[in-house]
Protein backbone atom coordinates (compact mmCIF):
# COMPACT_ATOMS: atom_id res chain seq x y z
CA MET A 1 -73.21 13.12 60.61
CA ALA A 2 -73.80 13.55 56.88
CA ASP A 3 -77.01 15.32 55.88
CA ASP A 4 -78.24 12.30 53.94
CA LEU A 5 -77.18 9.46 56.25
CA TYR A 6 -80.43 8.96 58.17
CA TYR A 7 -84.02 10.03 57.59
CA ARG A 8 -83.91 11.60 54.19
CA GLU A 9 -87.10 13.16 52.86
CA ASP A 10 -89.04 9.99 52.04
CA LEU A 11 -88.25 8.00 55.18
CA ALA A 12 -88.83 11.10 57.32
CA LEU A 13 -92.33 11.39 55.86
CA VAL A 14 -93.07 7.67 56.30
CA HIS A 15 -91.83 7.75 59.87
CA HIS A 16 -93.96 10.77 60.70
CA GLN A 17 -97.12 9.33 59.21
CA GLY A 18 -96.74 5.74 60.35
CA PHE A 19 -94.23 5.33 63.16
CA GLY A 20 -94.57 8.15 65.66
CA PHE A 21 -96.18 5.92 68.28
CA LEU A 22 -93.17 5.88 70.64
CA ALA A 23 -93.16 9.68 70.95
CA VAL A 24 -96.93 9.65 71.42
CA GLN A 25 -96.66 6.95 74.10
CA CYS A 26 -93.87 8.68 76.01
CA ALA A 27 -95.18 12.24 75.81
CA PRO A 28 -97.60 12.18 78.80
CA ALA A 29 -94.97 10.80 81.19
CA ILE A 30 -92.33 13.29 80.03
CA VAL A 31 -94.78 16.17 80.34
CA GLU A 32 -95.46 15.04 83.90
CA LEU A 33 -91.74 14.74 84.70
CA LEU A 34 -91.20 18.28 83.44
CA GLY A 35 -93.94 19.84 85.54
CA PRO A 36 -91.49 21.74 87.80
CA VAL A 37 -89.64 23.04 84.73
CA ARG A 38 -92.85 24.39 83.25
CA ALA A 39 -93.83 25.97 86.58
CA ARG A 40 -90.69 28.10 86.62
CA GLY A 41 -90.75 28.90 82.91
CA GLY A 42 -87.61 26.89 82.22
CA LEU A 43 -86.24 25.95 78.81
CA VAL A 44 -86.48 22.40 77.43
CA VAL A 45 -83.98 21.26 74.80
CA GLU A 46 -85.08 18.25 72.79
CA LEU A 47 -82.40 16.13 71.12
CA GLY A 48 -83.48 14.28 67.98
CA CYS A 49 -86.89 15.88 67.76
CA GLY A 50 -87.70 14.06 64.52
CA SER A 51 -90.90 15.37 62.98
CA GLY A 52 -91.86 17.21 66.18
CA ILE A 53 -94.40 14.85 67.75
CA LEU A 54 -93.00 15.15 71.29
CA THR A 55 -92.13 18.79 70.60
CA ARG A 56 -95.75 19.58 69.89
CA ALA A 57 -96.92 17.82 73.06
CA LEU A 58 -94.44 19.81 75.14
CA VAL A 59 -95.45 23.11 73.54
CA GLU A 60 -99.13 22.36 74.03
CA ALA A 61 -98.40 21.64 77.71
CA GLY A 62 -96.97 25.14 78.06
CA HIS A 63 -93.25 24.48 77.73
CA ARG A 64 -90.61 26.62 76.09
CA VAL A 65 -88.86 24.24 73.69
CA VAL A 66 -85.78 24.33 71.49
CA ALA A 67 -86.11 21.30 69.21
CA THR A 68 -83.02 19.89 67.50
CA ASP A 69 -82.22 17.12 65.04
CA ALA A 70 -79.46 16.10 62.65
CA SER A 71 -81.85 15.41 59.73
CA PRO A 72 -82.80 18.46 57.63
CA ALA A 73 -85.88 16.59 56.35
CA MET A 74 -87.07 15.89 59.89
CA LEU A 75 -86.50 19.51 60.86
CA ASP A 76 -88.67 20.67 57.95
CA LEU A 77 -91.49 18.45 59.24
CA ALA A 78 -91.00 19.59 62.83
CA ARG A 79 -91.27 23.25 61.87
CA ARG A 80 -94.66 22.53 60.33
CA HIS A 81 -95.89 20.12 62.99
CA ALA A 82 -94.77 22.10 66.06
CA PRO A 83 -94.82 25.77 65.04
CA GLY A 84 -94.99 26.88 68.67
CA ALA A 85 -91.44 25.84 69.50
CA GLU A 86 -89.08 28.69 70.37
CA ASP A 87 -86.59 27.33 67.85
CA VAL A 88 -86.13 24.30 65.59
CA ARG A 89 -82.51 23.91 64.62
CA ARG A 90 -79.95 21.45 63.32
CA LEU A 91 -77.68 19.96 65.97
CA VAL A 92 -75.30 17.08 65.28
CA LEU A 93 -74.13 15.09 68.28
CA PRO A 94 -71.74 14.65 69.93
CA ASP A 95 -69.81 17.74 68.84
CA ASP A 96 -72.34 20.54 68.33
CA PRO A 97 -72.94 22.49 71.56
CA ILE A 98 -76.22 21.84 73.37
CA PRO A 99 -77.91 25.05 74.55
CA THR A 100 -77.98 25.62 78.30
CA ALA A 101 -81.32 24.31 79.53
CA ASP A 102 -83.50 23.43 82.48
CA ALA A 103 -84.25 20.05 80.89
CA VAL A 104 -82.74 17.92 78.12
CA VAL A 105 -85.07 15.26 76.71
CA SER A 106 -84.93 12.73 73.91
CA VAL A 107 -87.01 9.73 72.79
CA GLY A 108 -86.46 7.24 69.99
CA HIS A 109 -82.93 6.11 71.01
CA VAL A 110 -81.41 9.12 69.29
CA LEU A 111 -77.99 8.73 70.94
CA SER A 112 -77.85 5.11 69.78
CA TYR A 113 -77.43 6.44 66.23
CA LEU A 114 -73.97 7.79 67.07
CA PRO A 115 -71.01 5.89 65.61
CA ASP A 116 -69.68 4.20 68.75
CA ALA A 117 -69.96 3.94 72.53
CA ALA A 118 -67.38 6.68 73.05
CA ALA A 119 -69.50 9.11 71.03
CA ILE A 120 -72.56 8.16 73.09
CA ASP A 121 -70.61 8.88 76.27
CA ARG A 122 -69.56 12.27 74.92
CA ALA A 123 -73.17 13.13 74.06
CA LEU A 124 -74.37 12.11 77.54
CA VAL A 125 -71.67 14.24 79.14
CA ALA A 126 -72.59 17.18 76.90
CA ALA A 127 -76.23 16.85 77.91
CA ALA A 128 -75.28 16.74 81.59
CA ARG A 129 -73.12 19.83 81.25
CA ALA A 130 -75.89 21.71 79.45
CA LEU A 131 -78.20 21.40 82.45
CA ARG A 132 -78.66 24.24 84.88
CA PRO A 133 -78.47 23.20 88.56
CA GLY A 134 -81.59 21.22 89.35
CA GLY A 135 -82.19 20.54 85.66
CA LEU A 136 -83.76 17.31 84.43
CA LEU A 137 -82.35 14.75 81.98
CA ALA A 138 -84.71 12.24 80.35
CA VAL A 139 -83.42 10.19 77.39
CA ASP A 140 -83.58 6.62 76.14
CA LEU A 141 -80.84 4.30 74.91
CA LEU A 142 -80.57 0.85 73.36
CA ASP A 143 -79.08 -1.69 75.76
CA LEU A 144 -77.15 -4.76 74.67
CA ASP A 145 -80.32 -6.73 75.43
CA TYR A 146 -82.05 -4.95 72.56
CA GLY A 147 -79.98 -6.72 69.93
CA ALA A 148 -80.05 -10.12 71.62
CA SER A 149 -83.84 -10.08 71.76
CA ARG A 150 -84.07 -9.33 68.04
CA ARG A 151 -81.56 -11.85 66.75
CA ASP A 152 -84.24 -13.75 64.84
CA ALA A 153 -86.69 -10.90 64.21
CA PRO A 154 -88.57 -11.38 60.91
CA ASP A 155 -88.50 -8.79 58.16
CA PHE A 156 -91.19 -6.12 58.31
CA GLY A 157 -93.36 -4.61 55.61
CA ARG A 158 -96.25 -2.18 55.44
CA VAL A 159 -98.18 -0.67 52.54
CA THR A 160 -100.50 2.36 52.48
CA ASP A 161 -102.05 4.33 49.63
CA GLY A 162 -99.22 6.84 49.67
CA TRP A 163 -96.18 4.84 50.71
CA ALA A 164 -94.72 1.43 51.41
CA ILE A 165 -91.84 0.30 53.59
CA VAL A 166 -89.77 -2.88 53.85
CA THR A 167 -87.30 -3.35 56.71
CA ARG A 168 -84.75 -6.14 57.12
CA PHE A 169 -83.10 -6.60 60.51
CA SER A 170 -79.63 -7.88 61.34
CA LEU A 171 -77.19 -8.05 64.23
CA PRO A 172 -73.76 -7.62 62.64
CA ALA A 173 -72.05 -7.57 66.06
CA PRO A 174 -73.16 -8.01 69.68
CA ASP A 175 -73.12 -4.23 70.09
CA ARG A 176 -74.68 -3.37 66.73
CA PHE A 177 -78.27 -3.55 65.51
CA ALA A 178 -78.94 -2.78 61.84
CA ARG A 179 -82.01 -2.07 59.75
CA ASP A 180 -81.92 -2.00 55.97
CA ILE A 181 -84.93 0.12 55.05
CA THR A 182 -86.49 0.49 51.61
CA THR A 183 -89.25 3.04 51.09
CA PHE A 184 -91.55 3.65 48.13
CA VAL A 185 -93.42 6.97 48.07
CA ARG A 186 -96.13 7.88 45.56
CA GLY A 187 -95.51 11.15 43.73
CA ASP A 188 -98.15 13.70 42.74
CA ASP A 189 -98.27 12.20 39.24
CA GLY A 190 -99.01 8.73 40.59
CA SER A 191 -95.55 7.32 39.95
CA TRP A 192 -93.51 5.72 42.74
CA ARG A 193 -89.97 6.54 43.80
CA ARG A 194 -87.66 4.30 45.81
CA ASP A 195 -85.06 5.14 48.44
CA ASP A 196 -82.85 2.92 50.60
CA GLU A 197 -81.27 3.69 53.97
CA ARG A 198 -79.19 1.54 56.30
CA HIS A 199 -79.60 2.43 59.96
CA GLU A 200 -76.98 1.11 62.38
CA ASN A 201 -77.52 1.53 66.10
CA VAL A 202 -74.86 1.15 68.78
CA LEU A 203 -75.90 -0.96 71.78
CA VAL A 204 -74.36 -0.23 75.18
CA ALA A 205 -74.42 -1.53 78.74
CA THR A 206 -76.79 1.08 80.11
CA ALA A 207 -76.12 0.02 83.71
CA ARG A 208 -72.84 1.96 83.58
CA VAL A 209 -74.46 5.25 82.51
CA PRO A 210 -75.36 6.53 86.02
CA ALA A 211 -71.72 6.40 87.12
CA LEU A 212 -70.68 8.36 84.03
CA LEU A 213 -73.32 11.03 84.63
CA ALA A 214 -72.47 11.24 88.34
CA GLU A 215 -68.97 12.37 87.37
CA HIS A 216 -70.65 15.38 85.74
CA GLY A 217 -73.08 16.34 88.45
CA VAL A 218 -76.18 14.37 87.41
CA ALA A 219 -77.75 11.75 89.66
CA ALA A 220 -79.50 9.31 87.31
CA THR A 221 -81.25 5.96 87.27
CA VAL A 222 -81.86 3.43 84.51
CA GLY A 223 -85.40 2.15 83.97
CA GLU A 224 -87.84 0.80 81.43
CA SER A 225 -90.18 3.79 81.32
CA PHE A 226 -90.41 7.53 81.85
CA GLY A 227 -93.53 6.94 83.93
CA ALA A 228 -95.98 4.12 84.55
CA ALA A 229 -95.89 2.53 81.09
CA PRO A 230 -92.76 0.85 79.67
CA VAL A 231 -91.27 2.57 76.63
CA GLU A 232 -91.54 -0.66 74.68
CA PRO A 233 -93.74 -3.67 75.45
CA PRO A 234 -92.46 -7.30 75.42
CA PRO A 235 -91.39 -9.50 73.71
CA PHE A 236 -88.52 -7.21 72.66
CA PRO A 237 -86.89 -5.66 75.75
CA GLY A 238 -83.80 -3.50 75.76
CA LEU A 239 -84.93 0.10 75.24
CA ARG A 240 -83.88 1.74 78.51
CA THR A 241 -84.69 5.16 79.97
CA ILE A 242 -82.12 7.35 81.70
CA VAL A 243 -83.73 9.87 84.04
CA GLY A 244 -81.64 12.16 86.24
CA ARG A 245 -81.30 15.53 87.84
CA SER A 246 -78.37 17.93 87.95
CA VAL A 247 -77.30 18.24 91.58
CA GLU A 248 -74.53 20.77 91.16
CA ALA A 249 -73.28 23.38 88.74
CA PRO A 250 -71.77 21.55 85.73
CA ALA A 251 -68.04 21.80 85.22
């Protein structure tokens, strides 16, 4: 993934300040899931840590965390927001090796940013193989339902004193969901600068993921939450959770 493809400096800042609610919402359930990992002092690897919102919650709960992301701008924010992490490093899926861990976690449909379903499969397999026996996997993915439910979604805009964002949604294919995002960020001199990013997400049939992971020693289930609360409320379903445990030494 190119350094400047997703979440350059301006959008990374806007996302951190205005759109971290999913990580905040999911953090308590993931912390609870990882209780046994914390009890034995295990290592948590976070994929797509973004600006470090979940990272910080894990660290504050007593976890050892290696936080990773493909965006250099997001990593800069994460280092400042979650200084207690053991490491914050760049990792580009699906090819960069994932450190061996007692848990691999990810929120914000990070794997759905990969270029195609085959790359998502490779990343899932890599995560499974990175787990120590008994290790926990907790990630989310965009199902095909995600795009269908947003076929007629209206454009979105938001303005604050320091930034503004406009997002246009489209469904270029049944397995693709796209957002054309324009940000305006106010500089120190009061002037505004503009940046544009196009985010394309790959949608998959998440029901087939448990069988894939089972081939690599992870027993997993597909759900709509990491705990009691769904990861995304209606009327837009389709963000699925994959939660599993390594039941044997990975190949």
